Amino acid sequence: MNGPRPSTRAFLCDLPCLAADSKIRFLGCVKQYNITVGHLILEHNYPRSKSEPSAVSVDINAVLESLKAEDLRVGTWLNVLGYVRDANTPESSFSSSQADSQQSNSQSLTSVTPIKVASRPVFIEAVMIFPAGAIALGEYERILRHVKDVESRINYPK
């Protein structure tokens, strides 16, 4: 199958445990915008038992021209589609040929299973950002938690 890899839906708190170059989609609330480097700091207080909300830096330089001023306001909920990058590595090791070979060698064409790794500092390289609008956050969390639970119970063929 040719074309881009599908993204994996994830909670913001799970991003540090996903492998570098994983293509992901997640929801986050704008906490801060760092104009000098073109990074948004997004947070999501999930799971609620945590003392501080999980936060991640999102590099928006590639999509900055498509964003509106209201998308950058503190408190705005955004859907982000992008790639997990190691914060300690300045250059990305990602290439589309690597992704295609990884997908065909390790995954079936009908499933996308994120590879889990030890938690470490990461940032997200955004390829698309769009506002979540008036979101029922509790409902979103419940549904995504259910979907992730079902996906974890399915035995994906390798």
N, C-alpha and C. Protein backbone atom coordinates (compact mmCIF):
# COMPACT_ATOMS: atom_id res chain seq x y z
N MET A 1 0.84 -1.18 0.00
CA MET A 1 0.00 0.00 0.00
C MET A 1 0.89 1.24 0.00
N ASN A 2 0.70 2.12 -0.95
CA ASN A 2 1.45 3.35 -1.03
C ASN A 2 0.66 4.46 -0.38
N GLY A 3 1.36 5.48 0.03
CA GLY A 3 0.71 6.62 0.67
C GLY A 3 1.23 6.82 2.08
N PRO A 4 0.74 7.86 2.71
CA PRO A 4 1.23 8.15 4.06
C PRO A 4 0.75 7.11 5.08
N ARG A 5 1.55 6.95 6.13
CA ARG A 5 1.18 6.07 7.22
C ARG A 5 -0.02 6.65 7.96
N PRO A 6 -0.91 5.80 8.47
CA PRO A 6 -2.00 6.32 9.29
C PRO A 6 -1.47 6.77 10.65
N SER A 7 -2.16 7.69 11.27
CA SER A 7 -1.73 8.15 12.59
C SER A 7 -2.35 7.29 13.68
N THR A 8 -1.75 7.34 14.85
CA THR A 8 -2.23 6.63 16.02
C THR A 8 -2.80 7.66 16.99
N ARG A 9 -4.03 7.45 17.44
CA ARG A 9 -4.61 8.36 18.44
C ARG A 9 -3.97 8.07 19.78
N ALA A 10 -3.63 9.13 20.50
CA ALA A 10 -2.96 8.95 21.78
C ALA A 10 -3.38 10.06 22.74
N PHE A 11 -3.28 9.75 24.02
CA PHE A 11 -3.41 10.79 25.03
C PHE A 11 -2.08 11.51 25.11
N LEU A 12 -2.12 12.79 25.42
CA LEU A 12 -0.91 13.58 25.52
C LEU A 12 0.06 12.97 26.54
N CYS A 13 -0.45 12.40 27.61
CA CYS A 13 0.41 11.81 28.64
C CYS A 13 1.18 10.59 28.14
N ASP A 14 0.74 9.96 27.05
CA ASP A 14 1.40 8.77 26.50
C ASP A 14 2.52 9.11 25.51
N LEU A 15 2.61 10.34 25.06
CA LEU A 15 3.56 10.70 24.00
C LEU A 15 5.02 10.41 24.35
N PRO A 16 5.48 10.66 25.59
CA PRO A 16 6.89 10.38 25.89
C PRO A 16 7.26 8.90 25.82
N CYS A 17 6.27 8.01 25.80
CA CYS A 17 6.53 6.57 25.75
C CYS A 17 6.42 6.00 24.34
N LEU A 18 6.10 6.83 23.35
CA LEU A 18 5.99 6.34 21.98
C LEU A 18 7.34 6.47 21.27
N ALA A 19 7.60 5.57 20.36
CA ALA A 19 8.87 5.56 19.64
C ALA A 19 9.03 6.82 18.80
N ALA A 20 10.27 7.24 18.64
CA ALA A 20 10.57 8.38 17.78
C ALA A 20 10.04 8.10 16.38
N ASP A 21 9.56 9.12 15.71
CA ASP A 21 9.02 9.06 14.36
C ASP A 21 7.63 8.43 14.30
N SER A 22 7.01 8.14 15.44
CA SER A 22 5.63 7.66 15.44
C SER A 22 4.72 8.78 14.95
N LYS A 23 3.80 8.45 14.07
CA LYS A 23 2.85 9.44 13.58
C LYS A 23 1.63 9.37 14.50
N ILE A 24 1.31 10.49 15.13
CA ILE A 24 0.27 10.48 16.15
C ILE A 24 -0.74 11.61 15.94
N ARG A 25 -1.89 11.43 16.59
CA ARG A 25 -2.91 12.47 16.66
C ARG A 25 -3.33 12.55 18.11
N PHE A 26 -3.36 13.77 18.66
CA PHE A 26 -3.75 13.95 20.05
C PHE A 26 -4.43 15.29 20.24
N LEU A 27 -5.04 15.44 21.40
CA LEU A 27 -5.75 16.66 21.77
C LEU A 27 -5.00 17.34 22.90
N GLY A 28 -4.85 18.65 22.81
CA GLY A 28 -4.18 19.39 23.87
C GLY A 28 -4.71 20.81 23.96
N CYS A 29 -4.53 21.40 25.13
CA CYS A 29 -4.98 22.76 25.40
C CYS A 29 -3.76 23.68 25.41
N VAL A 30 -3.85 24.80 24.72
CA VAL A 30 -2.73 25.74 24.64
C VAL A 30 -2.47 26.32 26.03
N LYS A 31 -1.25 26.13 26.48
CA LYS A 31 -0.80 26.69 27.76
C LYS A 31 0.07 27.91 27.53
N GLN A 32 0.90 27.83 26.46
CA GLN A 32 1.85 28.90 26.18
C GLN A 32 2.27 28.83 24.72
N TYR A 33 2.62 29.98 24.15
CA TYR A 33 3.17 30.02 22.79
C TYR A 33 4.52 30.71 22.86
N ASN A 34 5.58 30.02 22.48
CA ASN A 34 6.92 30.56 22.46
C ASN A 34 7.20 31.05 21.04
N ILE A 35 7.06 32.33 20.82
CA ILE A 35 7.18 32.93 19.50
C ILE A 35 8.60 32.77 18.94
N THR A 36 9.61 32.89 19.79
CA THR A 36 11.00 32.89 19.30
C THR A 36 11.39 31.57 18.65
N VAL A 37 10.86 30.45 19.12
CA VAL A 37 11.21 29.16 18.53
C VAL A 37 10.05 28.53 17.76
N GLY A 38 8.88 29.13 17.82
CA GLY A 38 7.72 28.60 17.09
C GLY A 38 7.18 27.33 17.70
N HIS A 39 7.14 27.27 19.03
CA HIS A 39 6.61 26.10 19.72
C HIS A 39 5.42 26.47 20.58
N LEU A 40 4.38 25.64 20.52
CA LEU A 40 3.25 25.72 21.43
C LEU A 40 3.49 24.73 22.56
N ILE A 41 3.14 25.12 23.76
CA ILE A 41 3.14 24.18 24.88
C ILE A 41 1.68 23.81 25.09
N LEU A 42 1.37 22.53 24.89
CA LEU A 42 0.01 22.03 25.06
C LEU A 42 -0.04 21.16 26.30
N GLU A 43 -1.18 21.17 26.98
CA GLU A 43 -1.36 20.33 28.15
C GLU A 43 -2.72 19.66 28.12
N HIS A 44 -2.84 18.60 28.89
CA HIS A 44 -4.10 17.88 29.05
C HIS A 44 -4.04 17.19 30.41
N ASN A 45 -4.94 17.52 31.28
CA ASN A 45 -4.94 16.97 32.63
C ASN A 45 -5.60 15.60 32.64
N TYR A 46 -4.93 14.65 32.01
CA TYR A 46 -5.39 13.27 31.98
C TYR A 46 -4.20 12.36 32.19
N PRO A 47 -4.27 11.39 33.03
CA PRO A 47 -5.37 11.08 33.95
C PRO A 47 -5.43 12.09 35.09
N ARG A 48 -6.60 12.26 35.64
CA ARG A 48 -6.84 13.28 36.66
C ARG A 48 -6.06 13.04 37.96
N SER A 49 -5.62 11.84 38.21
CA SER A 49 -4.92 11.52 39.45
C SER A 49 -3.54 12.17 39.52
N LYS A 50 -3.05 12.65 38.40
CA LYS A 50 -1.74 13.30 38.38
C LYS A 50 -1.83 14.66 39.07
N SER A 51 -0.73 15.05 39.71
CA SER A 51 -0.73 16.33 40.42
C SER A 51 -0.65 17.52 39.45
N GLU A 52 0.08 17.35 38.37
CA GLU A 52 0.23 18.40 37.37
C GLU A 52 -0.18 17.87 36.01
N PRO A 53 -0.82 18.68 35.18
CA PRO A 53 -1.20 18.19 33.84
C PRO A 53 0.03 17.83 33.00
N SER A 54 -0.11 16.80 32.17
CA SER A 54 0.94 16.46 31.21
C SER A 54 1.04 17.57 30.18
N ALA A 55 2.26 17.86 29.75
CA ALA A 55 2.46 18.92 28.76
C ALA A 55 3.50 18.46 27.75
N VAL A 56 3.40 19.01 26.53
CA VAL A 56 4.36 18.69 25.48
C VAL A 56 4.57 19.93 24.62
N SER A 57 5.78 20.06 24.11
CA SER A 57 6.11 21.15 23.20
C SER A 57 5.81 20.69 21.77
N VAL A 58 5.14 21.55 21.00
CA VAL A 58 4.77 21.23 19.63
C VAL A 58 5.40 22.25 18.69
N ASP A 59 6.26 21.77 17.80
CA ASP A 59 6.91 22.63 16.80
C ASP A 59 5.88 22.92 15.72
N ILE A 60 5.46 24.19 15.61
CA ILE A 60 4.42 24.56 14.65
C ILE A 60 4.97 25.34 13.46
N ASN A 61 6.29 25.41 13.30
CA ASN A 61 6.89 26.20 12.22
C ASN A 61 6.38 25.78 10.84
N ALA A 62 6.18 24.49 10.60
CA ALA A 62 5.75 24.01 9.29
C ALA A 62 4.29 24.35 8.99
N VAL A 63 3.50 24.62 10.01
CA VAL A 63 2.06 24.87 9.81
C VAL A 63 1.64 26.26 10.25
N LEU A 64 2.59 27.09 10.61
CA LEU A 64 2.29 28.40 11.17
C LEU A 64 1.41 29.26 10.26
N GLU A 65 1.66 29.22 8.96
CA GLU A 65 0.89 30.05 8.03
C GLU A 65 -0.58 29.65 7.95
N SER A 66 -0.90 28.40 8.29
CA SER A 66 -2.29 27.94 8.22
C SER A 66 -3.06 28.18 9.52
N LEU A 67 -2.36 28.62 10.57
CA LEU A 67 -3.02 28.84 11.86
C LEU A 67 -3.56 30.25 11.96
N LYS A 68 -4.63 30.39 12.72
CA LYS A 68 -5.23 31.69 12.99
C LYS A 68 -4.80 32.14 14.38
N ALA A 69 -4.90 33.43 14.64
CA ALA A 69 -4.50 33.97 15.94
C ALA A 69 -5.26 33.30 17.08
N GLU A 70 -6.53 33.01 16.88
CA GLU A 70 -7.32 32.38 17.96
C GLU A 70 -6.86 30.95 18.26
N ASP A 71 -6.18 30.29 17.30
CA ASP A 71 -5.65 28.95 17.53
C ASP A 71 -4.48 28.97 18.52
N LEU A 72 -3.85 30.12 18.68
CA LEU A 72 -2.67 30.24 19.53
C LEU A 72 -2.99 30.79 20.91
N ARG A 73 -4.25 31.10 21.17
CA ARG A 73 -4.66 31.67 22.45
C ARG A 73 -4.63 30.63 23.57
N VAL A 74 -4.17 31.06 24.73
CA VAL A 74 -4.16 30.20 25.91
C VAL A 74 -5.60 29.73 26.19
N GLY A 75 -5.74 28.42 26.40
CA GLY A 75 -7.06 27.86 26.69
C GLY A 75 -7.75 27.24 25.49
N THR A 76 -7.20 27.42 24.30
CA THR A 76 -7.79 26.83 23.09
C THR A 76 -7.43 25.35 22.99
N TRP A 77 -8.43 24.51 22.74
CA TRP A 77 -8.19 23.08 22.55
C TRP A 77 -7.91 22.81 21.08
N LEU A 78 -6.81 22.09 20.81
CA LEU A 78 -6.38 21.81 19.44
C LEU A 78 -6.19 20.32 19.21
N ASN A 79 -6.53 19.88 18.01
CA ASN A 79 -6.18 18.54 17.53
C ASN A 79 -4.86 18.70 16.79
N VAL A 80 -3.90 17.84 17.11
CA VAL A 80 -2.58 17.91 16.50
C VAL A 80 -2.27 16.58 15.83
N LEU A 81 -1.83 16.66 14.59
CA LEU A 81 -1.35 15.50 13.85
C LEU A 81 0.12 15.78 13.58
N GLY A 82 0.99 14.84 13.98
CA GLY A 82 2.40 15.08 13.79
C GLY A 82 3.24 13.87 14.14
N TYR A 83 4.54 14.11 14.29
CA TYR A 83 5.50 13.05 14.54
C TYR A 83 6.19 13.27 15.88
N VAL A 84 6.39 12.19 16.63
CA VAL A 84 7.12 12.24 17.88
C VAL A 84 8.61 12.37 17.55
N ARG A 85 9.26 13.33 18.16
CA ARG A 85 10.69 13.53 17.98
C ARG A 85 11.37 13.54 19.35
N ASP A 86 12.57 12.98 19.43
CA ASP A 86 13.34 13.03 20.67
C ASP A 86 13.82 14.46 20.90
N ALA A 87 13.59 14.98 22.10
CA ALA A 87 13.97 16.36 22.41
C ALA A 87 15.48 16.53 22.45
N ASN A 88 16.22 15.47 22.72
CA ASN A 88 17.68 15.57 22.82
C ASN A 88 18.38 15.44 21.48
N THR A 89 17.65 15.13 20.41
CA THR A 89 18.23 14.95 19.09
C THR A 89 17.81 16.11 18.21
N PRO A 90 18.74 16.99 17.80
CA PRO A 90 18.36 18.16 17.01
C PRO A 90 17.87 17.81 15.60
N GLU A 91 18.44 16.78 14.98
CA GLU A 91 18.05 16.40 13.63
C GLU A 91 17.18 15.16 13.69
N SER A 92 16.16 15.13 12.87
CA SER A 92 15.28 13.97 12.82
C SER A 92 15.91 12.86 11.98
N SER A 93 15.67 11.63 12.40
CA SER A 93 16.18 10.49 11.65
C SER A 93 15.12 9.92 10.73
N PHE A 94 14.01 10.62 10.60
CA PHE A 94 12.86 10.11 9.86
C PHE A 94 13.04 10.34 8.36
N SER A 95 12.66 9.33 7.59
CA SER A 95 12.52 9.49 6.16
C SER A 95 11.35 8.65 5.72
N SER A 96 10.68 9.05 4.65
CA SER A 96 9.50 8.30 4.24
C SER A 96 9.84 6.88 3.81
N SER A 97 11.03 6.65 3.28
CA SER A 97 11.40 5.28 2.90
C SER A 97 11.57 4.40 4.14
N GLN A 98 12.10 4.97 5.23
CA GLN A 98 12.21 4.22 6.48
C GLN A 98 10.82 3.88 6.99
N ALA A 99 9.92 4.84 6.94
CA ALA A 99 8.57 4.62 7.45
C ALA A 99 7.87 3.54 6.65
N ASP A 100 8.02 3.58 5.33
CA ASP A 100 7.36 2.58 4.49
C ASP A 100 7.89 1.19 4.77
N SER A 101 9.22 1.06 4.94
CA SER A 101 9.77 -0.25 5.21
C SER A 101 9.41 -0.73 6.60
N GLN A 102 9.36 0.18 7.57
CA GLN A 102 8.95 -0.20 8.92
C GLN A 102 7.51 -0.67 8.92
N GLN A 103 6.65 0.03 8.19
CA GLN A 103 5.24 -0.34 8.17
C GLN A 103 5.05 -1.70 7.51
N SER A 104 5.71 -1.94 6.38
CA SER A 104 5.49 -3.20 5.69
C SER A 104 6.15 -4.37 6.41
N ASN A 105 7.24 -4.12 7.13
CA ASN A 105 7.92 -5.21 7.82
C ASN A 105 7.31 -5.54 9.17
N SER A 106 6.76 -4.56 9.88
CA SER A 106 6.35 -4.83 11.25
C SER A 106 4.86 -4.72 11.50
N GLN A 107 4.07 -4.30 10.51
CA GLN A 107 2.65 -4.12 10.76
C GLN A 107 1.85 -4.64 9.58
N SER A 108 0.67 -5.13 9.87
CA SER A 108 -0.23 -5.49 8.78
C SER A 108 -0.82 -4.21 8.20
N LEU A 109 -1.40 -4.30 7.05
CA LEU A 109 -1.95 -3.12 6.40
C LEU A 109 -3.23 -2.64 7.08
N THR A 110 -3.85 -3.45 7.89
CA THR A 110 -5.12 -3.06 8.50
C THR A 110 -4.97 -2.57 9.92
N SER A 111 -3.77 -2.59 10.50
CA SER A 111 -3.64 -2.17 11.89
C SER A 111 -2.46 -1.25 12.07
N VAL A 112 -2.57 -0.40 13.08
CA VAL A 112 -1.49 0.47 13.46
C VAL A 112 -1.30 0.30 14.96
N THR A 113 -0.17 -0.27 15.35
CA THR A 113 0.10 -0.44 16.77
C THR A 113 1.30 0.42 17.13
N PRO A 114 1.12 1.33 18.08
CA PRO A 114 2.25 2.16 18.47
C PRO A 114 3.29 1.34 19.21
N ILE A 115 4.54 1.64 18.97
CA ILE A 115 5.63 0.96 19.65
C ILE A 115 5.92 1.75 20.92
N LYS A 116 5.87 1.08 22.06
CA LYS A 116 6.12 1.73 23.34
C LYS A 116 7.60 1.63 23.68
N VAL A 117 8.14 2.71 24.24
CA VAL A 117 9.53 2.76 24.67
C VAL A 117 9.57 3.41 26.05
N ALA A 118 10.74 3.45 26.66
CA ALA A 118 10.88 4.10 27.96
C ALA A 118 10.57 5.59 27.82
N SER A 119 9.91 6.15 28.81
CA SER A 119 9.56 7.56 28.80
C SER A 119 10.82 8.42 28.74
N ARG A 120 10.79 9.46 27.88
CA ARG A 120 11.92 10.37 27.74
C ARG A 120 11.39 11.71 27.23
N PRO A 121 12.22 12.77 27.26
CA PRO A 121 11.76 14.06 26.76
C PRO A 121 11.52 14.01 25.25
N VAL A 122 10.36 14.45 24.82
CA VAL A 122 10.02 14.48 23.40
C VAL A 122 9.38 15.81 23.06
N PHE A 123 9.31 16.10 21.77
CA PHE A 123 8.48 17.18 21.26
C PHE A 123 7.76 16.63 20.04
N ILE A 124 6.77 17.35 19.58
CA ILE A 124 5.99 16.92 18.43
C ILE A 124 6.25 17.87 17.27
N GLU A 125 6.53 17.30 16.11
CA GLU A 125 6.68 18.08 14.89
C GLU A 125 5.32 18.04 14.19
N ALA A 126 4.60 19.14 14.25
CA ALA A 126 3.23 19.18 13.74
C ALA A 126 3.21 19.23 12.21
N VAL A 127 2.30 18.46 11.60
CA VAL A 127 2.05 18.54 10.17
C VAL A 127 0.64 19.06 9.89
N MET A 128 -0.21 19.03 10.91
CA MET A 128 -1.55 19.59 10.78
C MET A 128 -2.06 19.91 12.18
N ILE A 129 -2.69 21.07 12.31
CA ILE A 129 -3.33 21.47 13.56
C ILE A 129 -4.67 22.07 13.20
N PHE A 130 -5.70 21.64 13.93
CA PHE A 130 -7.01 22.25 13.74
C PHE A 130 -7.72 22.35 15.08
N PRO A 131 -8.54 23.40 15.25
CA PRO A 131 -9.20 23.61 16.53
C PRO A 131 -10.20 22.50 16.83
N ALA A 132 -10.28 22.13 18.10
CA ALA A 132 -11.22 21.09 18.53
C ALA A 132 -12.62 21.65 18.71
N GLY A 133 -12.74 22.97 18.81
CA GLY A 133 -14.05 23.57 19.00
C GLY A 133 -14.58 23.30 20.40
N ALA A 134 -15.89 23.30 20.52
CA ALA A 134 -16.54 23.05 21.81
C ALA A 134 -16.55 21.54 22.04
N ILE A 135 -15.58 21.06 22.75
CA ILE A 135 -15.42 19.62 22.94
C ILE A 135 -15.95 19.19 24.30
N ALA A 136 -16.62 18.05 24.31
CA ALA A 136 -17.04 17.43 25.57
C ALA A 136 -15.85 16.59 26.04
N LEU A 137 -14.99 17.18 26.83
CA LEU A 137 -13.72 16.57 27.19
C LEU A 137 -13.88 15.22 27.89
N GLY A 138 -14.80 15.12 28.81
CA GLY A 138 -15.03 13.85 29.50
C GLY A 138 -15.45 12.75 28.56
N GLU A 139 -16.29 13.09 27.60
CA GLU A 139 -16.74 12.11 26.60
C GLU A 139 -15.59 11.69 25.69
N TYR A 140 -14.78 12.66 25.27
CA TYR A 140 -13.60 12.36 24.45
C TYR A 140 -12.67 11.40 25.17
N GLU A 141 -12.39 11.69 26.45
CA GLU A 141 -11.49 10.83 27.23
C GLU A 141 -12.05 9.42 27.40
N ARG A 142 -13.35 9.34 27.66
CA ARG A 142 -13.99 8.04 27.84
C ARG A 142 -13.91 7.20 26.56
N ILE A 143 -14.22 7.82 25.43
CA ILE A 143 -14.21 7.10 24.15
C ILE A 143 -12.79 6.68 23.77
N LEU A 144 -11.82 7.59 23.89
CA LEU A 144 -10.44 7.24 23.53
C LEU A 144 -9.89 6.17 24.46
N ARG A 145 -10.21 6.25 25.75
CA ARG A 145 -9.78 5.21 26.69
C ARG A 145 -10.36 3.86 26.29
N HIS A 146 -11.64 3.84 25.89
CA HIS A 146 -12.30 2.61 25.45
C HIS A 146 -11.64 2.06 24.17
N VAL A 147 -11.39 2.91 23.21
CA VAL A 147 -10.75 2.50 21.95
C VAL A 147 -9.37 1.91 22.22
N LYS A 148 -8.59 2.58 23.07
CA LYS A 148 -7.25 2.08 23.39
C LYS A 148 -7.32 0.74 24.13
N ASP A 149 -8.32 0.58 24.98
CA ASP A 149 -8.50 -0.68 25.69
C ASP A 149 -8.82 -1.81 24.71
N VAL A 150 -9.71 -1.54 23.77
CA VAL A 150 -10.07 -2.54 22.75
C VAL A 150 -8.86 -2.88 21.90
N GLU A 151 -8.12 -1.86 21.46
CA GLU A 151 -6.93 -2.10 20.63
C GLU A 151 -5.89 -2.94 21.37
N SER A 152 -5.76 -2.72 22.68
CA SER A 152 -4.76 -3.49 23.44
C SER A 152 -5.16 -4.95 23.60
N ARG A 153 -6.46 -5.24 23.49
CA ARG A 153 -6.94 -6.62 23.63
C ARG A 153 -6.88 -7.40 22.32
N ILE A 154 -6.78 -6.69 21.21
CA ILE A 154 -6.73 -7.35 19.91
C ILE A 154 -5.32 -7.90 19.69
N ASN A 155 -5.24 -9.11 19.22
CA ASN A 155 -3.94 -9.72 18.93
C ASN A 155 -3.59 -9.42 17.48
N TYR A 156 -2.75 -8.39 17.27
CA TYR A 156 -2.38 -8.00 15.92
C TYR A 156 -1.44 -9.03 15.32
N PRO A 157 -1.66 -9.45 14.06
CA PRO A 157 -0.72 -10.37 13.41
C PRO A 157 0.58 -9.63 13.11
N LYS A 158 1.68 -10.32 13.30
CA LYS A 158 3.00 -9.69 13.05
C LYS A 158 3.62 -10.26 11.81
